Amino acid sequence: MHEDDMDRRLGARIRAEREGRGWSLTMLAGRARVSRAMIHKIERGESSPTASLLGRLSGAFGLSMSTLLARAEAAGGRLSRHAVQPVWTDPATGYLRRQVSAGTDLPLDLTEICLPAGAAVPMPAAAFAFLRQLIWVLEGELVFTEGSLRHELHAGDCLQPGPPADCVFRNESDRPCRYAVVVLRGGAPGARH
């Protein structure tokens, strides 16, 4: 999917989620702690949101970022071929997010993330306060900080985050880190991505 097309579809999905709840731009801005002008630009496809901003917006809607992106991507079917899996890149960090399970009716989202060397992506607790998830490092090293707790994860390590707290996904190495995030939709509190 072309990046401009994805920005347009993501903006339209955010507008649909907002309008479906009967919220004004001002109401969403207050709930997400994001400027009204920025939301307006995103909804019009004029600005590509960062991962942190998407975390705030999805949290305001009571959705995981994976669910919000999957709804924007509108893929479907039981087979998700690599070549057509929706990919989104954070314009601020180069963080690349591949929606592996796009379009399934299972109660989970499977996402593959590639975090460039030296990159850090903060996420507010509100973005995942209602989810359960696992973080599984496939290649490289990931430092995951939840509140004041720091986890250093290496290839093969799998972590179930604790109670909701502001967190940061950080790659302190000089090589990219690739990891998978499994989010259980409709799960209990204690999640992140």
N, C-alpha and C. Protein backbone atom coordinates (compact mmCIF):
# COMPACT_ATOMS: atom_id res chain seq x y z
N MET A 1 0.85 -1.17 0.00
CA MET A 1 0.00 0.00 0.00
C MET A 1 0.90 1.24 0.00
N HIS A 2 0.63 2.18 -0.86
CA HIS A 2 1.41 3.42 -0.96
C HIS A 2 1.21 4.25 0.31
N GLU A 3 2.29 4.91 0.77
CA GLU A 3 2.25 5.63 2.04
C GLU A 3 1.22 6.76 2.05
N ASP A 4 1.10 7.53 0.92
CA ASP A 4 0.10 8.60 0.87
C ASP A 4 -1.31 8.04 0.99
N ASP A 5 -1.55 6.88 0.32
CA ASP A 5 -2.84 6.23 0.40
C ASP A 5 -3.13 5.79 1.84
N MET A 6 -2.11 5.27 2.52
CA MET A 6 -2.29 4.84 3.90
C MET A 6 -2.62 6.04 4.79
N ASP A 7 -1.93 7.16 4.61
CA ASP A 7 -2.24 8.35 5.40
C ASP A 7 -3.68 8.79 5.18
N ARG A 8 -4.14 8.74 3.94
CA ARG A 8 -5.52 9.12 3.62
C ARG A 8 -6.51 8.16 4.27
N ARG A 9 -6.24 6.86 4.17
CA ARG A 9 -7.14 5.87 4.75
C ARG A 9 -7.14 5.93 6.28
N LEU A 10 -5.97 6.15 6.85
CA LEU A 10 -5.89 6.27 8.31
C LEU A 10 -6.64 7.51 8.79
N GLY A 11 -6.48 8.62 8.09
CA GLY A 11 -7.22 9.83 8.45
C GLY A 11 -8.72 9.63 8.37
N ALA A 12 -9.17 8.95 7.31
CA ALA A 12 -10.60 8.67 7.15
C ALA A 12 -11.10 7.75 8.27
N ARG A 13 -10.28 6.79 8.69
CA ARG A 13 -10.69 5.87 9.76
C ARG A 13 -10.80 6.60 11.09
N ILE A 14 -9.84 7.49 11.36
CA ILE A 14 -9.88 8.27 12.61
C ILE A 14 -11.13 9.15 12.63
N ARG A 15 -11.42 9.78 11.49
CA ARG A 15 -12.64 10.60 11.41
C ARG A 15 -13.88 9.74 11.62
N ALA A 16 -13.92 8.55 11.00
CA ALA A 16 -15.07 7.65 11.16
C ALA A 16 -15.23 7.20 12.61
N GLU A 17 -14.13 6.88 13.28
CA GLU A 17 -14.20 6.48 14.69
C GLU A 17 -14.73 7.64 15.54
N ARG A 18 -14.23 8.83 15.27
CA ARG A 18 -14.65 10.02 16.04
C ARG A 18 -16.13 10.31 15.80
N GLU A 19 -16.53 10.37 14.54
CA GLU A 19 -17.91 10.69 14.21
C GLU A 19 -18.87 9.60 14.66
N GLY A 20 -18.42 8.34 14.59
CA GLY A 20 -19.25 7.22 15.05
C GLY A 20 -19.57 7.30 16.53
N ARG A 21 -18.73 7.98 17.28
CA ARG A 21 -18.96 8.17 18.71
C ARG A 21 -19.69 9.48 19.01
N GLY A 22 -19.94 10.27 17.94
CA GLY A 22 -20.60 11.55 18.12
C GLY A 22 -19.70 12.61 18.73
N TRP A 23 -18.38 12.45 18.57
CA TRP A 23 -17.42 13.38 19.17
C TRP A 23 -17.04 14.47 18.18
N SER A 24 -16.85 15.67 18.69
CA SER A 24 -16.28 16.76 17.90
C SER A 24 -14.76 16.63 17.90
N LEU A 25 -14.11 17.38 17.03
CA LEU A 25 -12.64 17.42 17.05
C LEU A 25 -12.13 17.84 18.42
N THR A 26 -12.80 18.79 19.02
CA THR A 26 -12.40 19.30 20.33
C THR A 26 -12.50 18.21 21.40
N MET A 27 -13.57 17.42 21.33
CA MET A 27 -13.73 16.33 22.30
C MET A 27 -12.62 15.29 22.17
N LEU A 28 -12.31 14.88 20.93
CA LEU A 28 -11.24 13.91 20.72
C LEU A 28 -9.90 14.50 21.15
N ALA A 29 -9.66 15.75 20.84
CA ALA A 29 -8.41 16.40 21.23
C ALA A 29 -8.23 16.37 22.75
N GLY A 30 -9.30 16.64 23.48
CA GLY A 30 -9.23 16.61 24.94
C GLY A 30 -8.98 15.22 25.49
N ARG A 31 -9.66 14.22 24.93
CA ARG A 31 -9.50 12.85 25.40
C ARG A 31 -8.11 12.30 25.09
N ALA A 32 -7.57 12.65 23.92
CA ALA A 32 -6.27 12.11 23.50
C ALA A 32 -5.09 13.00 23.91
N ARG A 33 -5.40 14.20 24.40
CA ARG A 33 -4.35 15.17 24.74
C ARG A 33 -3.46 15.47 23.52
N VAL A 34 -4.15 15.74 22.40
CA VAL A 34 -3.52 16.07 21.13
C VAL A 34 -4.20 17.33 20.62
N SER A 35 -3.48 18.20 19.92
CA SER A 35 -4.10 19.44 19.46
C SER A 35 -5.19 19.16 18.42
N ARG A 36 -6.21 19.98 18.47
CA ARG A 36 -7.33 19.88 17.53
C ARG A 36 -6.81 20.05 16.11
N ALA A 37 -5.89 20.99 15.90
CA ALA A 37 -5.33 21.26 14.57
C ALA A 37 -4.60 20.03 14.02
N MET A 38 -3.87 19.32 14.88
CA MET A 38 -3.14 18.14 14.42
C MET A 38 -4.12 17.04 14.00
N ILE A 39 -5.17 16.83 14.78
CA ILE A 39 -6.16 15.81 14.43
C ILE A 39 -6.82 16.17 13.10
N HIS A 40 -7.14 17.45 12.92
CA HIS A 40 -7.76 17.91 11.68
C HIS A 40 -6.85 17.60 10.48
N LYS A 41 -5.54 17.86 10.60
CA LYS A 41 -4.58 17.58 9.52
C LYS A 41 -4.50 16.09 9.23
N ILE A 42 -4.52 15.28 10.28
CA ILE A 42 -4.44 13.83 10.10
C ILE A 42 -5.71 13.32 9.41
N GLU A 43 -6.86 13.78 9.86
CA GLU A 43 -8.12 13.34 9.27
C GLU A 43 -8.21 13.70 7.79
N ARG A 44 -7.60 14.80 7.40
CA ARG A 44 -7.62 15.22 5.99
C ARG A 44 -6.50 14.55 5.19
N GLY A 45 -5.67 13.73 5.83
CA GLY A 45 -4.57 13.05 5.14
C GLY A 45 -3.42 13.97 4.82
N GLU A 46 -3.35 15.13 5.48
CA GLU A 46 -2.31 16.12 5.22
C GLU A 46 -1.07 15.91 6.08
N SER A 47 -1.17 15.05 7.10
CA SER A 47 -0.06 14.80 8.01
C SER A 47 -0.06 13.33 8.38
N SER A 48 1.14 12.75 8.44
CA SER A 48 1.27 11.35 8.84
C SER A 48 1.52 11.32 10.35
N PRO A 49 0.65 10.65 11.12
CA PRO A 49 0.82 10.63 12.57
C PRO A 49 2.01 9.78 13.00
N THR A 50 2.61 10.14 14.11
CA THR A 50 3.69 9.33 14.68
C THR A 50 3.07 8.17 15.45
N ALA A 51 3.91 7.20 15.81
CA ALA A 51 3.43 6.06 16.60
C ALA A 51 2.88 6.53 17.94
N SER A 52 3.56 7.48 18.57
CA SER A 52 3.11 7.98 19.87
C SER A 52 1.73 8.64 19.75
N LEU A 53 1.55 9.43 18.70
CA LEU A 53 0.27 10.10 18.48
C LEU A 53 -0.84 9.08 18.20
N LEU A 54 -0.54 8.05 17.39
CA LEU A 54 -1.54 7.00 17.14
C LEU A 54 -1.89 6.28 18.43
N GLY A 55 -0.90 6.09 19.31
CA GLY A 55 -1.16 5.48 20.61
C GLY A 55 -2.15 6.29 21.42
N ARG A 56 -2.00 7.61 21.39
CA ARG A 56 -2.92 8.49 22.13
C ARG A 56 -4.33 8.45 21.54
N LEU A 57 -4.41 8.49 20.21
CA LEU A 57 -5.73 8.48 19.56
C LEU A 57 -6.43 7.13 19.76
N SER A 58 -5.70 6.03 19.56
CA SER A 58 -6.34 4.72 19.74
C SER A 58 -6.78 4.55 21.18
N GLY A 59 -5.98 5.01 22.13
CA GLY A 59 -6.36 4.94 23.54
C GLY A 59 -7.63 5.73 23.83
N ALA A 60 -7.75 6.89 23.22
CA ALA A 60 -8.96 7.71 23.41
C ALA A 60 -10.19 6.98 22.89
N PHE A 61 -10.02 6.21 21.82
CA PHE A 61 -11.15 5.45 21.25
C PHE A 61 -11.40 4.14 21.99
N GLY A 62 -10.50 3.75 22.89
CA GLY A 62 -10.64 2.47 23.56
C GLY A 62 -10.26 1.31 22.67
N LEU A 63 -9.36 1.56 21.71
CA LEU A 63 -8.89 0.56 20.76
C LEU A 63 -7.39 0.37 20.91
N SER A 64 -6.89 -0.79 20.48
CA SER A 64 -5.44 -0.95 20.38
C SER A 64 -5.00 -0.24 19.09
N MET A 65 -3.73 0.12 19.02
CA MET A 65 -3.22 0.72 17.80
C MET A 65 -3.36 -0.27 16.65
N SER A 66 -3.15 -1.56 16.92
CA SER A 66 -3.30 -2.60 15.89
C SER A 66 -4.71 -2.60 15.31
N THR A 67 -5.71 -2.49 16.18
CA THR A 67 -7.10 -2.50 15.71
C THR A 67 -7.39 -1.26 14.88
N LEU A 68 -6.94 -0.10 15.33
CA LEU A 68 -7.16 1.13 14.57
C LEU A 68 -6.51 1.04 13.19
N LEU A 69 -5.27 0.56 13.13
CA LEU A 69 -4.59 0.43 11.84
C LEU A 69 -5.26 -0.63 10.96
N ALA A 70 -5.65 -1.74 11.55
CA ALA A 70 -6.32 -2.79 10.78
C ALA A 70 -7.62 -2.27 10.17
N ARG A 71 -8.37 -1.48 10.93
CA ARG A 71 -9.62 -0.92 10.40
C ARG A 71 -9.33 0.04 9.25
N ALA A 72 -8.24 0.78 9.33
CA ALA A 72 -7.87 1.70 8.26
C ALA A 72 -7.41 0.93 7.02
N GLU A 73 -6.75 -0.19 7.24
CA GLU A 73 -6.19 -0.96 6.13
C GLU A 73 -7.24 -1.80 5.43
N ALA A 74 -8.31 -2.16 6.15
CA ALA A 74 -9.45 -2.88 5.58
C ALA A 74 -9.06 -4.10 4.76
N ALA A 75 -8.09 -4.86 5.24
CA ALA A 75 -7.72 -6.11 4.58
C ALA A 75 -8.65 -7.21 5.09
N GLY A 76 -8.68 -8.34 4.43
CA GLY A 76 -9.55 -9.41 4.89
C GLY A 76 -9.10 -10.77 4.38
N GLY A 77 -9.72 -11.80 4.91
CA GLY A 77 -9.42 -13.15 4.48
C GLY A 77 -8.64 -13.92 5.51
N ARG A 78 -8.63 -15.27 5.34
CA ARG A 78 -7.94 -16.13 6.30
C ARG A 78 -6.45 -16.20 6.05
N LEU A 79 -6.00 -16.01 4.80
CA LEU A 79 -4.59 -16.07 4.47
C LEU A 79 -4.04 -14.66 4.33
N SER A 80 -3.01 -14.38 5.08
CA SER A 80 -2.39 -13.05 5.04
C SER A 80 -0.99 -13.21 4.43
N ARG A 81 -0.88 -13.02 3.13
CA ARG A 81 0.41 -13.17 2.45
C ARG A 81 1.32 -11.98 2.76
N HIS A 82 2.59 -12.28 2.96
CA HIS A 82 3.57 -11.27 3.32
C HIS A 82 3.53 -10.07 2.37
N ALA A 83 3.43 -10.33 1.09
CA ALA A 83 3.48 -9.26 0.09
C ALA A 83 2.34 -8.26 0.19
N VAL A 84 1.23 -8.66 0.80
CA VAL A 84 0.08 -7.75 0.88
C VAL A 84 -0.27 -7.35 2.31
N GLN A 85 0.54 -7.77 3.28
CA GLN A 85 0.28 -7.36 4.66
C GLN A 85 0.50 -5.85 4.77
N PRO A 86 -0.42 -5.15 5.39
CA PRO A 86 -0.29 -3.70 5.52
C PRO A 86 0.92 -3.31 6.36
N VAL A 87 1.67 -2.33 5.85
CA VAL A 87 2.86 -1.83 6.53
C VAL A 87 2.70 -0.34 6.76
N TRP A 88 3.09 0.10 7.93
CA TRP A 88 3.05 1.52 8.26
C TRP A 88 4.39 1.91 8.88
N THR A 89 4.92 3.06 8.48
CA THR A 89 6.19 3.54 9.01
C THR A 89 5.97 4.84 9.77
N ASP A 90 6.50 4.90 11.00
CA ASP A 90 6.43 6.11 11.81
C ASP A 90 7.37 7.15 11.19
N PRO A 91 6.84 8.30 10.76
CA PRO A 91 7.68 9.30 10.12
C PRO A 91 8.73 9.91 11.05
N ALA A 92 8.53 9.81 12.35
CA ALA A 92 9.47 10.41 13.30
C ALA A 92 10.66 9.50 13.60
N THR A 93 10.47 8.19 13.62
CA THR A 93 11.54 7.29 14.07
C THR A 93 11.96 6.25 13.04
N GLY A 94 11.15 6.03 12.01
CA GLY A 94 11.43 4.98 11.05
C GLY A 94 10.95 3.61 11.52
N TYR A 95 10.29 3.58 12.68
CA TYR A 95 9.68 2.36 13.23
C TYR A 95 8.73 1.82 12.18
N LEU A 96 8.91 0.55 11.80
CA LEU A 96 8.10 -0.06 10.77
C LEU A 96 7.20 -1.11 11.40
N ARG A 97 5.93 -1.04 11.10
CA ARG A 97 4.92 -1.90 11.72
C ARG A 97 4.19 -2.67 10.62
N ARG A 98 4.26 -4.00 10.67
CA ARG A 98 3.59 -4.87 9.70
C ARG A 98 2.44 -5.57 10.40
N GLN A 99 1.23 -5.39 9.89
CA GLN A 99 0.05 -6.02 10.48
C GLN A 99 -0.07 -7.43 9.88
N VAL A 100 0.48 -8.42 10.58
CA VAL A 100 0.54 -9.79 10.09
C VAL A 100 -0.84 -10.42 10.04
N SER A 101 -1.67 -10.16 11.03
CA SER A 101 -2.98 -10.80 11.13
C SER A 101 -4.11 -9.94 10.60
N ALA A 102 -3.82 -9.06 9.68
CA ALA A 102 -4.84 -8.13 9.17
C ALA A 102 -6.06 -8.86 8.65
N GLY A 103 -7.23 -8.44 9.09
CA GLY A 103 -8.48 -8.91 8.55
C GLY A 103 -9.04 -10.19 9.15
N THR A 104 -8.36 -10.79 10.11
CA THR A 104 -8.90 -12.02 10.68
C THR A 104 -10.01 -11.70 11.68
N ASP A 105 -10.84 -12.69 11.96
CA ASP A 105 -11.89 -12.49 12.95
C ASP A 105 -11.50 -13.08 14.30
N LEU A 106 -10.23 -13.43 14.46
CA LEU A 106 -9.75 -13.94 15.75
C LEU A 106 -9.70 -12.81 16.77
N PRO A 107 -9.78 -13.12 18.07
CA PRO A 107 -9.75 -12.06 19.09
C PRO A 107 -8.33 -11.61 19.44
N LEU A 108 -7.43 -11.63 18.44
CA LEU A 108 -6.06 -11.18 18.70
C LEU A 108 -5.51 -10.47 17.48
N ASP A 109 -4.49 -9.66 17.71
CA ASP A 109 -3.75 -9.00 16.65
C ASP A 109 -2.31 -9.46 16.74
N LEU A 110 -1.71 -9.80 15.60
CA LEU A 110 -0.30 -10.17 15.53
C LEU A 110 0.38 -9.14 14.66
N THR A 111 1.37 -8.47 15.24
CA THR A 111 2.06 -7.39 14.56
C THR A 111 3.56 -7.63 14.63
N GLU A 112 4.25 -7.38 13.52
CA GLU A 112 5.71 -7.45 13.50
C GLU A 112 6.24 -6.02 13.45
N ILE A 113 7.21 -5.74 14.29
CA ILE A 113 7.79 -4.40 14.38
C ILE A 113 9.27 -4.47 14.05
N CYS A 114 9.76 -3.51 13.29
CA CYS A 114 11.20 -3.34 13.09
C CYS A 114 11.55 -1.96 13.65
N LEU A 115 12.35 -1.95 14.71
CA LEU A 115 12.74 -0.71 15.37
C LEU A 115 14.18 -0.41 15.00
N PRO A 116 14.44 0.69 14.29
CA PRO A 116 15.81 1.00 13.86
C PRO A 116 16.76 1.19 15.02
N ALA A 117 18.04 1.02 14.76
CA ALA A 117 19.08 1.25 15.76
C ALA A 117 18.94 2.66 16.32
N GLY A 118 19.01 2.77 17.64
CA GLY A 118 18.97 4.06 18.31
C GLY A 118 17.58 4.68 18.45
N ALA A 119 16.55 4.04 17.91
CA ALA A 119 15.20 4.62 17.95
C ALA A 119 14.49 4.30 19.26
N ALA A 120 13.59 5.19 19.64
CA ALA A 120 12.76 5.00 20.83
C ALA A 120 11.34 5.46 20.51
N VAL A 121 10.35 4.65 20.93
CA VAL A 121 8.94 4.98 20.69
C VAL A 121 8.21 4.94 22.02
N PRO A 122 7.83 6.11 22.55
CA PRO A 122 7.05 6.14 23.80
C PRO A 122 5.58 5.89 23.52
N MET A 123 4.91 5.26 24.48
CA MET A 123 3.48 5.01 24.39
C MET A 123 2.85 5.35 25.74
N PRO A 124 1.75 6.11 25.73
CA PRO A 124 1.09 6.43 27.00
C PRO A 124 0.29 5.22 27.50
N ALA A 125 0.14 5.10 28.80
CA ALA A 125 -0.60 3.99 29.41
C ALA A 125 -2.02 3.90 28.85
N ALA A 126 -2.63 5.04 28.54
CA ALA A 126 -4.01 5.04 28.04
C ALA A 126 -4.17 4.29 26.73
N ALA A 127 -3.09 4.12 25.97
CA ALA A 127 -3.17 3.45 24.67
C ALA A 127 -3.44 1.96 24.79
N PHE A 128 -3.21 1.39 25.98
CA PHE A 128 -3.34 -0.06 26.11
C PHE A 128 -3.81 -0.48 27.48
N ALA A 129 -4.51 0.37 28.16
CA ALA A 129 -4.95 0.07 29.52
C ALA A 129 -5.98 -1.06 29.58
N PHE A 130 -6.59 -1.40 28.46
CA PHE A 130 -7.67 -2.37 28.44
C PHE A 130 -7.27 -3.66 27.70
N LEU A 131 -5.98 -3.86 27.46
CA LEU A 131 -5.51 -4.98 26.66
C LEU A 131 -4.57 -5.90 27.43
N ARG A 132 -4.38 -7.09 26.88
CA ARG A 132 -3.32 -7.98 27.34
C ARG A 132 -2.45 -8.27 26.13
N GLN A 133 -1.14 -8.39 26.35
CA GLN A 133 -0.26 -8.61 25.21
C GLN A 133 1.00 -9.34 25.60
N LEU A 134 1.70 -9.80 24.57
CA LEU A 134 3.02 -10.39 24.71
C LEU A 134 3.94 -9.69 23.73
N ILE A 135 5.20 -9.51 24.14
CA ILE A 135 6.23 -8.94 23.28
C ILE A 135 7.29 -10.03 23.12
N TRP A 136 7.54 -10.44 21.88
CA TRP A 136 8.48 -11.53 21.59
C TRP A 136 9.56 -11.00 20.65
N VAL A 137 10.81 -10.97 21.12
CA VAL A 137 11.92 -10.46 20.32
C VAL A 137 12.38 -11.55 19.36
N LEU A 138 12.37 -11.23 18.06
CA LEU A 138 12.75 -12.17 17.02
C LEU A 138 14.22 -12.03 16.63
N GLU A 139 14.70 -10.79 16.55
CA GLU A 139 16.11 -10.50 16.21
C GLU A 139 16.54 -9.23 16.93
N GLY A 140 17.78 -9.21 17.37
CA GLY A 140 18.33 -8.01 17.98
C GLY A 140 18.01 -7.90 19.46
N GLU A 141 18.03 -6.66 19.95
CA GLU A 141 17.83 -6.37 21.37
C GLU A 141 16.81 -5.25 21.52
N LEU A 142 15.92 -5.41 22.49
CA LEU A 142 14.88 -4.42 22.77
C LEU A 142 14.92 -4.08 24.25
N VAL A 143 14.89 -2.80 24.54
CA VAL A 143 14.74 -2.36 25.93
C VAL A 143 13.31 -1.84 26.04
N PHE A 144 12.55 -2.46 26.93
CA PHE A 144 11.16 -2.07 27.14
C PHE A 144 11.05 -1.52 28.56
N THR A 145 10.66 -0.27 28.68
CA THR A 145 10.51 0.37 29.98
C THR A 145 9.04 0.61 30.22
N GLU A 146 8.54 0.10 31.36
CA GLU A 146 7.15 0.35 31.76
C GLU A 146 7.22 1.04 33.11
N GLY A 147 6.84 2.33 33.11
CA GLY A 147 7.00 3.12 34.33
C GLY A 147 8.48 3.20 34.67
N SER A 148 8.86 2.78 35.88
CA SER A 148 10.28 2.81 36.28
C SER A 148 10.96 1.46 36.10
N LEU A 149 10.25 0.47 35.58
CA LEU A 149 10.78 -0.87 35.41
C LEU A 149 11.38 -1.03 34.01
N ARG A 150 12.64 -1.49 33.95
CA ARG A 150 13.36 -1.65 32.68
C ARG A 150 13.57 -3.14 32.40
N HIS A 151 13.20 -3.56 31.18
CA HIS A 151 13.40 -4.94 30.74
C HIS A 151 14.36 -4.93 29.55
N GLU A 152 15.43 -5.69 29.62
CA GLU A 152 16.35 -5.84 28.49
C GLU A 152 16.07 -7.19 27.87
N LEU A 153 15.54 -7.17 26.65
CA LEU A 153 15.11 -8.39 25.97
C LEU A 153 16.04 -8.68 24.79
N HIS A 154 16.35 -9.97 24.61
CA HIS A 154 17.22 -10.44 23.53
C HIS A 154 16.43 -11.40 22.65
N ALA A 155 16.99 -11.77 21.50
CA ALA A 155 16.33 -12.67 20.56
C ALA A 155 15.82 -13.92 21.29
N GLY A 156 14.54 -14.22 21.11
CA GLY A 156 13.91 -15.37 21.73
C GLY A 156 13.18 -15.06 23.02
N ASP A 157 13.49 -13.92 23.66
CA ASP A 157 12.84 -13.54 24.92
C ASP A 157 11.40 -13.11 24.64
N CYS A 158 10.51 -13.43 25.58
CA CYS A 158 9.11 -13.06 25.47
C CYS A 158 8.67 -12.47 26.81
N LEU A 159 8.00 -11.32 26.77
CA LEU A 159 7.58 -10.60 27.97
C LEU A 159 6.08 -10.33 27.93
N GLN A 160 5.42 -10.57 29.05
CA GLN A 160 4.04 -10.12 29.23
C GLN A 160 4.11 -8.89 30.12
N PRO A 161 3.84 -7.70 29.56
CA PRO A 161 3.90 -6.49 30.36
C PRO A 161 2.94 -6.53 31.54
N GLY A 162 3.27 -5.74 32.56
CA GLY A 162 2.46 -5.68 33.77
C GLY A 162 1.34 -4.67 33.65
N PRO A 163 0.87 -4.18 34.81
CA PRO A 163 -0.24 -3.21 34.82
C PRO A 163 0.09 -1.98 33.98
N PRO A 164 -0.92 -1.33 33.43
CA PRO A 164 -0.71 -0.19 32.55
C PRO A 164 0.16 0.90 33.18
N ALA A 165 1.13 1.36 32.40
CA ALA A 165 2.01 2.46 32.78
C ALA A 165 2.53 3.06 31.48
N ASP A 166 2.95 4.32 31.53
CA ASP A 166 3.61 4.88 30.36
C ASP A 166 4.82 4.01 30.07
N CYS A 167 5.08 3.77 28.78
CA CYS A 167 6.18 2.88 28.44
C CYS A 167 6.97 3.42 27.25
N VAL A 168 8.15 2.81 27.04
CA VAL A 168 8.99 3.16 25.91
C VAL A 168 9.57 1.88 25.33
N PHE A 169 9.47 1.74 24.01
CA PHE A 169 10.15 0.68 23.27
C PHE A 169 11.42 1.31 22.73
N ARG A 170 12.59 0.79 23.09
CA ARG A 170 13.85 1.44 22.74
C ARG A 170 14.84 0.41 22.20
N ASN A 171 15.54 0.80 21.14
CA ASN A 171 16.62 -0.01 20.60
C ASN A 171 17.92 0.74 20.87
N GLU A 172 18.66 0.29 21.87
CA GLU A 172 19.91 0.96 22.25
C GLU A 172 21.11 0.39 21.51
N SER A 173 20.89 -0.59 20.64
CA SER A 173 21.99 -1.23 19.92
C SER A 173 22.27 -0.49 18.61
N ASP A 174 23.27 -1.00 17.88
CA ASP A 174 23.62 -0.40 16.60
C ASP A 174 23.06 -1.20 15.42
N ARG A 175 22.13 -2.13 15.71
CA ARG A 175 21.47 -2.93 14.68
C ARG A 175 19.96 -2.85 14.86
N PRO A 176 19.21 -3.04 13.79
CA PRO A 176 17.73 -3.03 13.93
C PRO A 176 17.27 -4.15 14.86
N CYS A 177 16.15 -3.93 15.50
CA CYS A 177 15.52 -4.94 16.36
C CYS A 177 14.18 -5.29 15.72
N ARG A 178 13.93 -6.60 15.61
CA ARG A 178 12.66 -7.06 15.06
C ARG A 178 11.95 -7.85 16.15
N TYR A 179 10.70 -7.48 16.41
CA TYR A 179 9.94 -8.18 17.44
C TYR A 179 8.48 -8.29 17.04
N ALA A 180 7.79 -9.23 17.67
CA ALA A 180 6.37 -9.44 17.41
C ALA A 180 5.59 -9.04 18.65
N VAL A 181 4.42 -8.49 18.42
CA VAL A 181 3.51 -8.14 19.50
C VAL A 181 2.19 -8.86 19.24
N VAL A 182 1.75 -9.62 20.24
CA VAL A 182 0.47 -10.30 20.17
C VAL A 182 -0.45 -9.60 21.17
N VAL A 183 -1.53 -9.05 20.67
CA VAL A 183 -2.49 -8.33 21.52
C VAL A 183 -3.80 -9.10 21.53
N LEU A 184 -4.27 -9.42 22.73
CA LEU A 184 -5.57 -10.07 22.88
C LEU A 184 -6.62 -8.98 22.95
N ARG A 185 -7.49 -8.94 21.94
CA ARG A 185 -8.54 -7.91 21.91
C ARG A 185 -9.59 -8.24 22.95
N GLY A 186 -10.08 -7.19 23.63
CA GLY A 186 -11.11 -7.37 24.63
C GLY A 186 -10.58 -8.01 25.89
N GLY A 187 -9.26 -8.02 26.07
CA GLY A 187 -8.66 -8.63 27.24
C GLY A 187 -8.71 -7.73 28.45
N ALA A 188 -8.16 -8.22 29.54
CA ALA A 188 -8.13 -7.49 30.80
C ALA A 188 -6.97 -6.49 30.80
N PRO A 189 -6.93 -5.57 31.76
CA PRO A 189 -5.86 -4.60 31.85
C PRO A 189 -4.50 -5.27 32.00
N GLY A 190 -3.47 -4.54 31.53
CA GLY A 190 -2.10 -4.98 31.69
C GLY A 190 -1.40 -5.13 30.36
N ALA A 191 -1.54 -4.17 29.45
CA ALA A 191 -0.95 -4.34 28.15
C ALA A 191 -0.32 -3.08 27.61
N ARG A 192 0.24 -3.19 26.39
CA ARG A 192 0.96 -2.07 25.82
C ARG A 192 0.66 -1.76 24.37
N HIS A 193 1.26 -2.24 23.40
CA HIS A 193 1.45 -1.83 22.02
C HIS A 193 0.19 -1.51 21.32
